[in-house]
Protein backbone atom coordinates (compact mmCIF):
# COMPACT_ATOMS: atom_id res chain seq x y z
CA MET A 1 0.00 0.00 0.00
CA ALA A 2 1.29 3.46 -0.87
CA PRO A 3 2.18 5.85 1.94
CA LYS A 4 -0.55 8.12 3.14
CA SER A 5 -0.82 11.35 1.19
CA LYS A 6 -0.31 14.73 2.73
CA LYS A 7 -2.37 16.49 0.10
CA SER A 8 -6.14 16.66 -0.02
CA GLU A 9 -7.93 15.48 -3.11
CA PRO A 10 -8.55 18.43 -5.44
CA ALA A 11 -12.00 19.24 -6.71
CA HIS A 12 -12.44 18.39 -10.38
CA ALA A 13 -12.65 21.36 -12.72
CA PRO A 14 -15.23 21.19 -15.52
CA HIS A 15 -13.74 18.82 -18.06
CA GLY A 16 -16.07 18.99 -21.04
CA TYR A 17 -17.22 16.12 -23.25
CA GLU A 18 -15.06 14.12 -25.63
CA PHE A 19 -15.94 11.51 -28.29
CA GLY A 20 -19.14 13.34 -29.20
CA GLY A 21 -20.47 13.43 -25.65
CA PRO A 22 -23.14 11.00 -24.37
CA LEU A 23 -24.49 10.31 -27.86
CA GLY A 24 -21.04 9.48 -29.21
CA ALA A 25 -20.22 7.36 -26.15
CA ALA A 26 -23.45 5.41 -26.60
CA GLY A 27 -22.75 4.90 -30.29
CA ILE A 28 -19.25 3.57 -29.59
CA THR A 29 -20.32 1.43 -26.63
CA PHE A 30 -23.02 -0.41 -28.58
CA GLY A 31 -21.70 0.08 -32.12
CA LEU A 32 -18.14 -1.23 -31.95
CA PRO A 33 -19.11 -4.75 -30.81
CA ILE A 34 -21.47 -4.91 -33.80
CA LEU A 35 -18.63 -3.78 -36.07
CA CYS A 36 -16.51 -6.66 -34.78
CA TYR A 37 -19.25 -9.10 -35.79
CA VAL A 38 -19.55 -7.40 -39.19
CA PHE A 39 -15.84 -7.97 -39.81
CA THR A 40 -16.13 -11.57 -38.62
CA PHE A 41 -19.07 -12.57 -40.82
CA ALA A 42 -18.53 -10.31 -43.85
CA CYS A 43 -15.01 -11.68 -44.34
CA ASN A 44 -15.33 -15.43 -43.83
CA ASP A 45 -13.94 -18.81 -44.83
CA VAL A 46 -17.25 -20.10 -46.14
CA THR A 47 -17.92 -18.07 -49.30
CA GLY A 48 -15.56 -15.10 -49.42
CA CYS A 49 -14.37 -11.70 -48.30
CA PRO A 50 -16.77 -10.05 -48.60
CA ALA A 51 -19.62 -12.56 -48.81
CA PRO A 52 -20.89 -12.64 -52.47
CA SER A 53 -24.38 -11.36 -51.61
CA LEU A 54 -22.91 -8.17 -50.19
CA LEU A 55 -21.64 -7.34 -53.68
CA SER A 56 -25.18 -7.59 -55.08
CA PRO A 57 -27.35 -5.67 -52.61
CA LYS A 58 -30.33 -5.51 -55.01
CA THR A 59 -30.75 -9.29 -54.89
CA LEU A 60 -29.73 -9.64 -51.25
CA SER A 61 -31.83 -11.95 -49.08
CA ILE A 62 -31.33 -12.54 -45.38
CA ASP A 63 -31.54 -16.32 -45.67
CA GLN A 64 -28.95 -16.39 -48.46
CA LEU A 65 -26.67 -14.03 -46.54
CA LYS A 66 -26.86 -16.17 -43.40
CA ALA A 67 -25.80 -19.20 -45.40
CA GLU A 68 -22.92 -17.32 -47.01
CA VAL A 69 -21.46 -15.87 -43.81
CA GLY A 70 -21.67 -19.03 -41.72
CA TRP A 71 -24.35 -17.77 -39.33
CA PRO A 72 -24.82 -20.29 -36.47
CA GLU A 73 -27.54 -22.86 -37.04
CA ASP A 74 -29.10 -22.12 -33.65
CA GLY A 75 -29.23 -18.40 -34.37
CA ILE A 76 -28.01 -15.71 -32.04
CA TRP A 77 -27.52 -18.21 -29.20
CA GLY A 78 -24.84 -19.88 -31.29
CA LEU A 79 -22.68 -16.76 -31.02
CA ALA A 80 -21.71 -17.82 -27.50
CA SER A 81 -20.82 -21.05 -25.75
CA TRP A 82 -20.02 -22.01 -22.19
CA LYS A 83 -17.04 -24.00 -23.42
CA ALA A 84 -15.39 -21.04 -25.16
CA THR A 85 -16.19 -18.73 -22.25
CA GLY A 86 -14.77 -21.19 -19.74
CA TRP A 87 -11.49 -21.65 -21.59
CA LEU A 88 -11.14 -17.91 -22.11
CA LEU A 89 -11.59 -17.31 -18.38
CA ALA A 90 -8.98 -20.02 -17.77
CA TYR A 91 -6.59 -18.04 -19.98
CA TYR A 92 -7.22 -14.94 -17.85
CA LEU A 93 -6.62 -16.96 -14.69
CA PHE A 94 -3.40 -18.40 -16.11
CA SER A 95 -2.19 -14.87 -16.91
CA ALA A 96 -3.02 -13.78 -13.37
CA LEU A 97 -1.13 -16.75 -11.91
CA LEU A 98 1.95 -15.88 -13.96
CA TYR A 99 1.63 -12.30 -12.72
CA ARG A 100 1.84 -13.56 -9.15
CA ILE A 101 4.30 -16.45 -9.52
CA LEU A 102 7.01 -15.11 -11.85
CA PRO A 103 9.72 -12.76 -10.54
CA ALA A 104 8.73 -9.12 -10.94
CA THR A 105 10.05 -5.60 -10.66
CA GLU A 106 8.09 -3.30 -8.39
CA VAL A 107 7.95 0.34 -9.46
CA GLN A 108 6.40 3.45 -7.98
CA GLY A 109 3.99 5.21 -10.33
CA THR A 110 3.91 8.93 -11.07
CA GLU A 111 2.77 11.25 -8.31
CA LEU A 112 -0.99 11.45 -7.99
CA SER A 113 -2.96 14.66 -7.54
CA THR A 114 -3.18 13.81 -3.82
CA GLY A 115 0.58 13.53 -3.56
CA GLY A 116 0.82 9.77 -3.15
CA ARG A 117 2.16 7.14 -5.50
CA LEU A 118 0.84 3.68 -6.37
CA LYS A 119 3.06 0.62 -6.54
CA TYR A 120 3.09 -1.48 -9.73
CA ARG A 121 4.33 -5.03 -10.25
CA PHE A 122 5.92 -5.62 -13.67
CA ASN A 123 6.67 -9.03 -15.20
CA GLY A 124 4.63 -8.78 -18.40
CA PHE A 125 7.54 -9.74 -20.64
CA SER A 126 8.42 -12.92 -18.76
CA SER A 127 4.72 -13.80 -18.58
CA ALA A 128 4.32 -13.36 -22.34
CA VAL A 129 7.46 -15.34 -23.14
CA THR A 130 6.41 -18.17 -20.81
CA THR A 131 3.01 -18.40 -22.50
CA LEU A 132 4.46 -18.31 -26.02
CA VAL A 133 7.10 -20.94 -25.16
CA LEU A 134 4.30 -23.27 -24.02
CA CYS A 135 2.49 -22.61 -27.31
CA LEU A 136 5.71 -23.31 -29.23
CA ALA A 137 6.23 -26.57 -27.36
CA GLY A 138 2.70 -27.68 -28.21
CA THR A 139 3.21 -26.75 -31.85
CA ILE A 140 6.50 -28.64 -32.07
CA ALA A 141 4.81 -31.70 -30.60
CA GLN A 142 1.57 -31.62 -32.60
CA GLY A 143 2.11 -29.17 -35.43
CA ALA A 144 -0.81 -27.23 -36.86
CA GLU A 145 -3.16 -29.67 -35.12
CA PHE A 146 -2.11 -28.41 -31.69
CA PRO A 147 -5.50 -28.24 -29.86
CA LEU A 148 -5.08 -24.57 -28.98
CA TRP A 149 -4.88 -23.57 -32.64
CA THR A 150 -7.79 -25.74 -33.75
CA PHE A 151 -9.92 -24.61 -30.80
CA ILE A 152 -9.42 -20.92 -31.67
CA ALA A 153 -10.28 -21.53 -35.33
CA ASP A 154 -13.37 -23.59 -34.49
CA ASN A 155 -14.64 -21.24 -31.76
CA TYR A 156 -13.53 -17.84 -33.04
CA VAL A 157 -16.98 -16.24 -32.93
CA GLN A 158 -17.72 -17.66 -29.50
CA LEU A 159 -14.39 -16.39 -28.14
CA LEU A 160 -15.17 -12.95 -29.58
CA THR A 161 -18.56 -12.95 -27.86
CA ALA A 162 -17.03 -14.07 -24.56
CA ASP A 163 -14.49 -11.26 -24.62
CA ILE A 164 -17.20 -8.72 -25.48
CA LEU A 165 -19.31 -9.88 -22.54
CA ILE A 166 -16.29 -9.81 -20.23
CA SER A 167 -15.49 -6.24 -21.30
CA TYR A 168 -19.06 -5.13 -20.56
CA ALA A 169 -19.03 -6.94 -17.20
CA LEU A 170 -15.67 -5.46 -16.23
CA ALA A 171 -16.74 -1.94 -17.21
CA THR A 172 -19.94 -2.34 -15.20
CA PHE A 173 -18.03 -3.62 -12.16
CA VAL A 174 -15.57 -0.72 -12.04
CA TYR A 175 -18.35 1.81 -12.73
CA VAL A 176 -20.51 0.62 -9.81
CA ARG A 177 -17.52 0.21 -7.52
CA SER A 178 -16.29 3.76 -8.28
CA PHE A 179 -19.12 5.18 -6.18
CA SER A 180 -17.38 3.81 -3.10
CA VAL A 181 -14.38 6.13 -3.61
CA LYS A 182 -14.12 8.51 -0.65
CA PRO A 183 -11.98 11.68 -0.50
CA GLY A 184 -8.72 11.24 1.39
CA ASN A 185 -8.87 7.42 1.42
CA PRO A 186 -5.55 5.75 2.37
CA GLU A 187 -5.55 3.52 -0.75
CA HIS A 188 -5.27 6.62 -2.99
CA ARG A 189 -8.36 5.69 -4.97
CA LEU A 190 -9.18 8.67 -7.17
CA LEU A 191 -11.86 9.64 -9.64
CA ALA A 192 -10.87 10.60 -13.17
CA ALA A 193 -11.71 14.16 -14.15
CA GLY A 194 -12.96 13.07 -17.58
CA GLY A 195 -15.32 10.40 -16.26
CA CYS A 196 -17.32 12.33 -13.67
CA SER A 197 -19.75 14.27 -15.85
CA GLY A 198 -22.83 12.90 -14.12
CA ASN A 199 -24.11 11.34 -17.35
CA LEU A 200 -24.37 7.57 -16.88
CA ILE A 201 -23.53 6.32 -20.37
CA TYR A 202 -20.73 8.84 -20.86
CA ASP A 203 -19.11 8.08 -17.51
CA PHE A 204 -19.57 4.33 -18.10
CA TYR A 205 -17.65 4.71 -21.35
CA MET A 206 -14.91 7.05 -20.11
CA GLY A 207 -14.44 5.45 -16.69
CA ARG A 208 -15.11 7.13 -13.35
CA GLU A 209 -12.24 5.71 -11.31
CA LEU A 210 -8.68 6.58 -12.34
CA ASN A 211 -6.78 3.46 -11.26
CA PRO A 212 -9.20 0.82 -9.96
CA ARG A 213 -7.58 -2.06 -8.13
CA ILE A 214 -8.80 -5.36 -6.80
CA THR A 215 -7.33 -7.93 -4.41
CA LEU A 216 -7.88 -11.57 -5.37
CA PRO A 217 -7.21 -14.69 -3.27
CA PHE A 218 -3.62 -15.95 -3.78
CA ILE A 219 -3.10 -13.50 -6.69
CA GLY A 220 -3.00 -10.44 -4.49
CA GLU A 221 -3.59 -6.85 -5.61
CA ILE A 222 -3.99 -6.13 -9.32
CA ASP A 223 -4.17 -2.71 -10.92
CA ILE A 224 -7.02 -3.46 -13.33
CA LYS A 225 -6.17 -0.79 -15.89
CA GLU A 226 -2.45 -1.48 -16.18
CA TRP A 227 -2.96 -5.26 -16.12
CA MET A 228 -5.60 -5.27 -18.85
CA GLU A 229 -3.58 -2.88 -20.98
CA LEU A 230 -0.55 -5.16 -21.40
CA ARG A 231 -1.61 -8.68 -20.45
CA PRO A 232 -4.49 -10.75 -21.91
CA GLY A 233 -5.40 -8.59 -24.91
CA ILE A 234 -2.04 -7.74 -26.41
CA LEU A 235 -0.78 -11.30 -25.94
CA GLY A 236 -4.09 -12.54 -27.32
CA TRP A 237 -3.29 -10.61 -30.50
CA VAL A 238 -0.11 -12.68 -30.94
CA ILE A 239 -1.86 -15.94 -30.10
CA LEU A 240 -4.65 -15.29 -32.62
CA ASN A 241 -2.07 -14.56 -35.32
CA CYS A 242 -0.32 -17.85 -34.59
CA ALA A 243 -3.66 -19.68 -34.74
CA PHE A 244 -4.29 -18.22 -38.22
CA VAL A 245 -0.84 -19.33 -39.41
CA ALA A 246 -1.71 -22.86 -38.30
CA LYS A 247 -5.11 -22.58 -39.97
CA GLN A 248 -3.51 -21.56 -43.28
CA TYR A 249 -1.27 -24.62 -43.12
CA ARG A 250 -4.19 -26.95 -42.36
CA THR A 251 -6.20 -25.40 -45.20
CA PHE A 252 -3.57 -25.24 -47.97
CA GLY A 253 -0.66 -27.41 -46.83
CA PHE A 254 1.78 -24.48 -46.85
CA VAL A 255 2.44 -21.18 -45.09
CA SER A 256 2.84 -17.97 -47.10
CA ASP A 257 5.65 -15.45 -46.54
CA SER A 258 3.07 -12.68 -46.04
CA ILE A 259 1.36 -14.25 -43.04
CA VAL A 260 4.71 -15.21 -41.49
CA PHE A 261 6.00 -11.64 -41.93
CA ILE A 262 2.96 -10.04 -40.30
CA THR A 263 2.92 -12.55 -37.45
CA ILE A 264 6.60 -11.99 -36.67
CA VAL A 265 6.60 -8.18 -36.84
CA GLN A 266 3.40 -7.88 -34.81
CA ALA A 267 4.81 -10.29 -32.22
CA VAL A 268 7.95 -8.16 -32.00
CA TYR A 269 5.77 -5.05 -31.59
CA CYS A 270 3.76 -6.67 -28.79
CA LEU A 271 6.79 -8.11 -27.02
CA ASP A 272 8.51 -4.74 -27.27
CA SER A 273 5.48 -3.16 -25.61
CA VAL A 274 5.51 -5.56 -22.66
CA TYR A 275 9.31 -5.38 -22.40
CA MET A 276 8.97 -1.62 -22.01
CA GLU A 277 6.10 -2.13 -19.54
CA PRO A 278 7.29 0.52 -17.02
CA SER A 279 6.98 3.24 -19.67
CA ILE A 280 3.21 2.83 -19.56
CA LEU A 281 3.17 4.74 -16.28
CA THR A 282 3.73 8.05 -18.11
CA THR A 283 1.05 7.50 -20.77
CA ILE A 284 -2.23 9.40 -20.95
CA ASP A 285 -4.11 6.13 -20.37
CA ILE A 286 -2.59 5.69 -16.91
CA ILE A 287 -2.21 9.32 -15.85
CA ASN A 288 -5.45 10.89 -17.08
CA ASP A 289 -8.02 8.37 -18.30
CA GLY A 290 -10.38 6.49 -16.05
CA PHE A 291 -10.96 2.80 -16.65
CA GLY A 292 -14.33 2.32 -18.29
CA PHE A 293 -15.75 0.62 -21.35
CA MET A 294 -13.38 2.55 -23.64
CA LEU A 295 -10.31 0.83 -22.23
CA SER A 296 -12.02 -2.40 -21.20
CA PHE A 297 -13.33 -3.09 -24.70
CA GLY A 298 -10.23 -1.67 -26.35
CA ASP A 299 -7.85 -3.87 -24.36
CA LEU A 300 -9.81 -7.12 -24.39
CA VAL A 301 -11.65 -7.08 -27.72
CA TRP A 302 -10.48 -4.38 -30.11
CA VAL A 303 -6.74 -5.08 -29.88
CA PRO A 304 -6.74 -8.87 -30.29
CA PHE A 305 -9.67 -9.30 -32.68
CA VAL A 306 -9.45 -6.20 -34.89
CA TYR A 307 -5.68 -5.93 -35.04
CA SER A 308 -5.37 -9.55 -36.21
CA GLN A 309 -7.69 -9.13 -39.21
CA GLN A 310 -4.80 -9.27 -41.69
CA THR A 311 -3.60 -12.72 -40.61
CA ARG A 312 -7.20 -13.89 -40.41
CA TYR A 313 -7.67 -12.78 -44.03
CA LEU A 314 -4.44 -14.43 -45.19
CA SER A 315 -5.36 -17.72 -43.51
CA THR A 316 -8.00 -18.15 -46.23
CA HIS A 317 -6.39 -16.20 -49.10
CA PRO A 318 -2.59 -16.69 -49.11
CA VAL A 319 -0.53 -13.92 -50.73
CA SER A 320 3.07 -14.37 -51.83
CA LEU A 321 5.25 -11.27 -51.45
CA GLY A 322 8.55 -12.60 -52.76
CA TRP A 323 11.88 -11.02 -51.86
CA LEU A 324 11.01 -7.69 -53.47
CA GLY A 325 7.72 -7.36 -51.61
CA LEU A 326 9.32 -8.38 -48.33
CA SER A 327 12.08 -5.83 -48.87
CA ILE A 328 9.60 -3.00 -49.48
CA VAL A 329 7.40 -3.67 -46.44
CA SER A 330 10.48 -4.28 -44.28
CA THR A 331 11.96 -0.93 -45.30
CA ILE A 332 8.75 0.89 -44.37
CA LEU A 333 8.61 -0.98 -41.08
CA ILE A 334 12.23 -0.19 -40.17
CA ALA A 335 11.74 3.48 -41.07
CA GLY A 336 8.63 3.74 -38.93
CA PHE A 337 10.15 1.88 -36.00
CA GLY A 338 13.32 3.96 -36.23
CA ILE A 339 11.43 7.25 -36.10
CA PHE A 340 9.24 6.00 -33.25
CA ARG A 341 12.04 4.57 -31.11
CA LEU A 342 14.69 7.26 -31.76
CA SER A 343 12.31 10.15 -31.12
CA ASN A 344 11.02 8.64 -27.88
CA SER A 345 14.56 7.85 -26.78
CA GLN A 346 15.63 11.43 -27.44
CA LYS A 347 12.69 12.78 -25.45
CA ASN A 348 13.33 10.48 -22.50
CA THR A 349 17.05 11.32 -22.46
CA PHE A 350 16.30 15.05 -22.57
CA ARG A 351 13.83 14.74 -19.71
CA THR A 352 16.09 12.71 -17.45
CA ASN A 353 19.45 14.33 -18.28
CA PRO A 354 19.34 17.43 -20.52
CA ASN A 355 23.14 17.76 -20.25
CA ASP A 356 23.71 14.38 -21.89
CA PRO A 357 25.98 14.94 -24.95
CA ARG A 358 23.38 13.27 -27.17
CA VAL A 359 20.79 15.99 -26.42
CA ALA A 360 22.89 18.91 -25.14
CA HIS A 361 22.48 20.65 -28.51
CA ILE A 362 18.67 20.57 -28.38
CA SER A 363 17.04 24.01 -28.25
CA TYR A 364 13.96 24.45 -26.09
CA ILE A 365 11.42 26.78 -24.53
CA GLU A 366 11.37 26.89 -20.77
CA THR A 367 7.78 27.38 -19.65
CA LYS A 368 6.52 29.23 -16.61
CA THR A 369 5.77 25.82 -15.03
CA GLY A 370 9.46 24.91 -15.25
CA SER A 371 8.98 22.34 -18.03
CA ARG A 372 11.12 22.40 -21.17
CA LEU A 373 9.56 22.04 -24.61
CA MET A 374 12.01 20.78 -27.24
CA THR A 375 12.11 22.87 -30.43
CA SER A 376 14.84 21.08 -32.38
CA GLY A 377 15.97 17.53 -33.02
CA TRP A 378 13.20 15.02 -33.69
CA TRP A 379 10.72 17.11 -31.73
CA GLY A 380 11.45 20.23 -33.75
CA VAL A 381 10.22 18.45 -36.88
CA ALA A 382 6.72 17.78 -35.54
CA ARG A 383 5.05 17.99 -32.13
CA HIS A 384 4.27 14.28 -32.21
CA ILE A 385 6.84 12.90 -34.61
CA ASN A 386 6.65 9.62 -32.67
CA TYR A 387 3.01 9.28 -33.79
CA PHE A 388 4.16 9.52 -37.41
CA GLY A 389 6.63 6.69 -36.86
CA ASP A 390 3.97 4.62 -35.12
CA TRP A 391 1.53 5.15 -38.00
CA LEU A 392 4.15 4.22 -40.60
CA GLN A 393 4.51 0.89 -38.82
CA SER A 394 0.83 0.15 -39.41
CA TRP A 395 1.28 0.02 -43.21
CA PRO A 396 3.43 -3.15 -43.30
CA TYR A 397 0.63 -4.89 -41.41
CA ALA A 398 -1.85 -4.21 -44.21
CA LEU A 399 0.26 -4.05 -47.40
CA PRO A 400 1.00 -7.81 -47.44
CA THR A 401 -2.71 -8.47 -48.03
CA GLY A 402 -2.42 -6.62 -51.37
CA PHE A 403 -5.60 -5.61 -53.19
CA ALA A 404 -7.61 -7.70 -50.80
CA GLY A 405 -10.80 -9.60 -51.53
CA TYR A 406 -11.60 -13.19 -52.47
CA THR A 407 -14.37 -15.61 -53.41
CA ILE A 408 -14.41 -19.29 -52.46
CA LEU A 409 -15.57 -21.63 -55.24
CA THR A 410 -16.67 -25.25 -55.02
CA ALA A 411 -14.25 -28.09 -55.73
CA GLY A 412 -13.70 -28.89 -59.38
CA THR A 413 -14.45 -25.37 -60.69
CA GLN A 414 -10.97 -25.16 -62.26
CA ALA A 415 -10.99 -21.37 -62.19
CA GLU A 416 -8.02 -19.63 -63.76
CA GLY A 417 -5.46 -18.43 -61.20
CA ALA A 418 -7.26 -20.14 -58.33
CA ILE A 419 -5.51 -21.24 -55.16
CA LYS A 420 -6.65 -24.72 -54.25
CA MET A 421 -7.46 -25.79 -50.72
CA LEU A 422 -6.64 -29.31 -49.55
CA ASP A 423 -10.38 -30.14 -49.56
CA GLY A 424 -10.60 -29.20 -53.25
CA ARG A 425 -12.28 -25.80 -52.92
CA GLU A 426 -10.76 -22.94 -54.88
CA VAL A 427 -10.03 -19.35 -53.90
CA VAL A 428 -10.04 -16.55 -56.48
CA GLN A 429 -10.31 -12.80 -56.19
CA GLY A 430 -12.86 -12.20 -58.95
CA PRO A 431 -15.39 -9.42 -58.27
CA ALA A 432 -14.41 -9.35 -54.59
CA LYS A 433 -11.01 -7.84 -55.41
CA TYR A 434 -10.43 -4.49 -53.63
CA TRP A 435 -13.53 -4.85 -51.42
CA GLY A 436 -11.61 -6.83 -48.82
CA MET A 437 -9.35 -3.79 -48.32
CA LEU A 438 -12.16 -2.24 -46.29
CA ILE A 439 -11.26 -4.80 -43.64
CA THR A 440 -7.54 -5.46 -44.08
CA TYR A 441 -6.65 -1.75 -44.32
CA PHE A 442 -9.11 -0.66 -41.65
CA TYR A 443 -6.35 -0.71 -39.02
CA VAL A 444 -4.29 1.88 -40.96
CA VAL A 445 -7.23 4.29 -41.24
CA TYR A 446 -8.40 3.70 -37.68
CA PHE A 447 -4.91 4.19 -36.29
CA ALA A 448 -4.57 7.51 -38.14
CA VAL A 449 -7.86 8.72 -36.67
CA LEU A 450 -6.79 7.53 -33.22
CA LEU A 451 -3.48 9.39 -33.37
CA VAL A 452 -5.07 12.60 -34.67
CA HIS A 453 -7.63 12.44 -31.87
CA ARG A 454 -4.91 11.76 -29.30
CA ASP A 455 -2.93 14.70 -30.63
CA GLY A 456 -5.98 16.91 -30.19
CA ARG A 457 -6.44 15.75 -26.59
CA ASP A 458 -2.79 16.40 -25.86
CA ASP A 459 -2.93 19.85 -27.46
CA GLU A 460 -5.90 20.80 -25.28
CA LYS A 461 -4.17 19.51 -22.16
CA CYS A 462 -0.92 21.36 -22.93
CA ALA A 463 -2.76 24.58 -23.78
CA LYS A 464 -4.29 24.55 -20.30
CA LYS A 465 -1.01 23.63 -18.64
CA TYR A 466 1.41 25.95 -20.45
CA GLY A 467 -0.84 28.80 -21.64
CA GLU A 468 1.03 31.38 -23.76
CA ASP A 469 4.18 29.26 -23.78
CA TRP A 470 2.30 26.54 -25.64
CA GLU A 471 1.16 29.00 -28.31
CA LYS A 472 4.76 30.21 -28.69
CA TYR A 473 5.90 26.60 -29.01
CA LYS A 474 3.34 25.90 -31.75
CA ARG A 475 4.56 28.89 -33.75
CA ILE A 476 8.05 27.38 -33.74
CA VAL A 477 7.08 23.72 -34.26
CA LYS A 478 4.29 24.16 -36.79
CA TYR A 479 3.45 20.60 -37.76
CA LYS A 480 1.49 18.25 -35.53
CA ILE A 481 2.34 14.74 -36.76
CA VAL A 482 3.39 14.54 -40.43
CA PRO A 483 6.24 16.94 -41.31
CA GLY A 484 5.30 19.37 -44.06
CA ILE A 485 1.72 18.06 -44.30
CA TYR A 486 -0.12 17.97 -40.97
């Protein structure tokens, strides 16, 4: 438990609505789960991506569409199963056990508004590696038929539903529990300024409590927000990708270079995130945002199921990149990662030791608050040059899918240019070509919107914090994210 604070909890100033206010929060809360199902059924391994009927809306019939998308025979009840839910909860429990059992580094968080600090336990990297080593061992022993991979492929929709329900349940739990937060409590439980509007749906979405924690038998205390951010969801993204690689092998008898490339680079991205786990303590998610449906759904559903759409697509429509294609996407990836990592490293070095020879030449504005705003180096090029690098890295995830879209034909069709499955069915692009890009390139567009929105939130926060100094800074560093463009 953190030491008792000497400061009193400040009253929250009017925060204003984000995300379109209550109406926008309601739309996201109930709309995004539906979008996940749209992706799942529209791009399928039964008839195509998208389903053929979606390309002919004038002749569209519900019964025909259900048959084409693989709608469960027992209707909406088939979207869920106790078996899938049970095994998913077992995965969460296993992650929690690793959190408690494996050696960990304990770190003090940033100072809270009350003056105290929370303690965090970090062993996400060793937990992730342990889990992936077990998956590797199972794969070496049983190949693509390893039960974990076949279970994910056979119960994908049911696992999606289970995670959606868990995210709703978790958001409801922390929302109701937040009303027990009392000023000056010794546990340093605080309410988030952005989640205390008084509007139920908006606060449910944004999150009322800043850093909700829970103590479980044997497991001990868990910071719900930090744990969900870098544990089950981000590792689930890697596991789903691996399951789709195995599915491609079971379907076609080979594994394409495109799906291997995406799986490896996304695994590196995820492992890098958990390896740098302590850096999460300075992010806006931990410092400013409450934990509500926005983060609950984002961590548990959006990240693993939406971010893995490219490998899911390639598991049914293999694409060969060749050495030239691999070289192009690798170059873009390295450039993006280099900008992202070097800019963040420069910022961290400047913050911790501005006299370091590597950053001693950096010019800056010293604000009235005592903070220094860098005006040269990476951060003189754009105010969030790291966002540009991060966005560049999203392109190599989508580009290997090419001009996406495919149609699955019956065995014996003998279509020109078709890729044959082991069961005799054939995969061609045909009229579906390009339409699949709405799904495989969605991540690139979404990520751009996310970063622009995050930049806007940061700009508003800095304007309040630095006042005239921030306006002066913006006149010097004119571009927000993309140098010379935006």
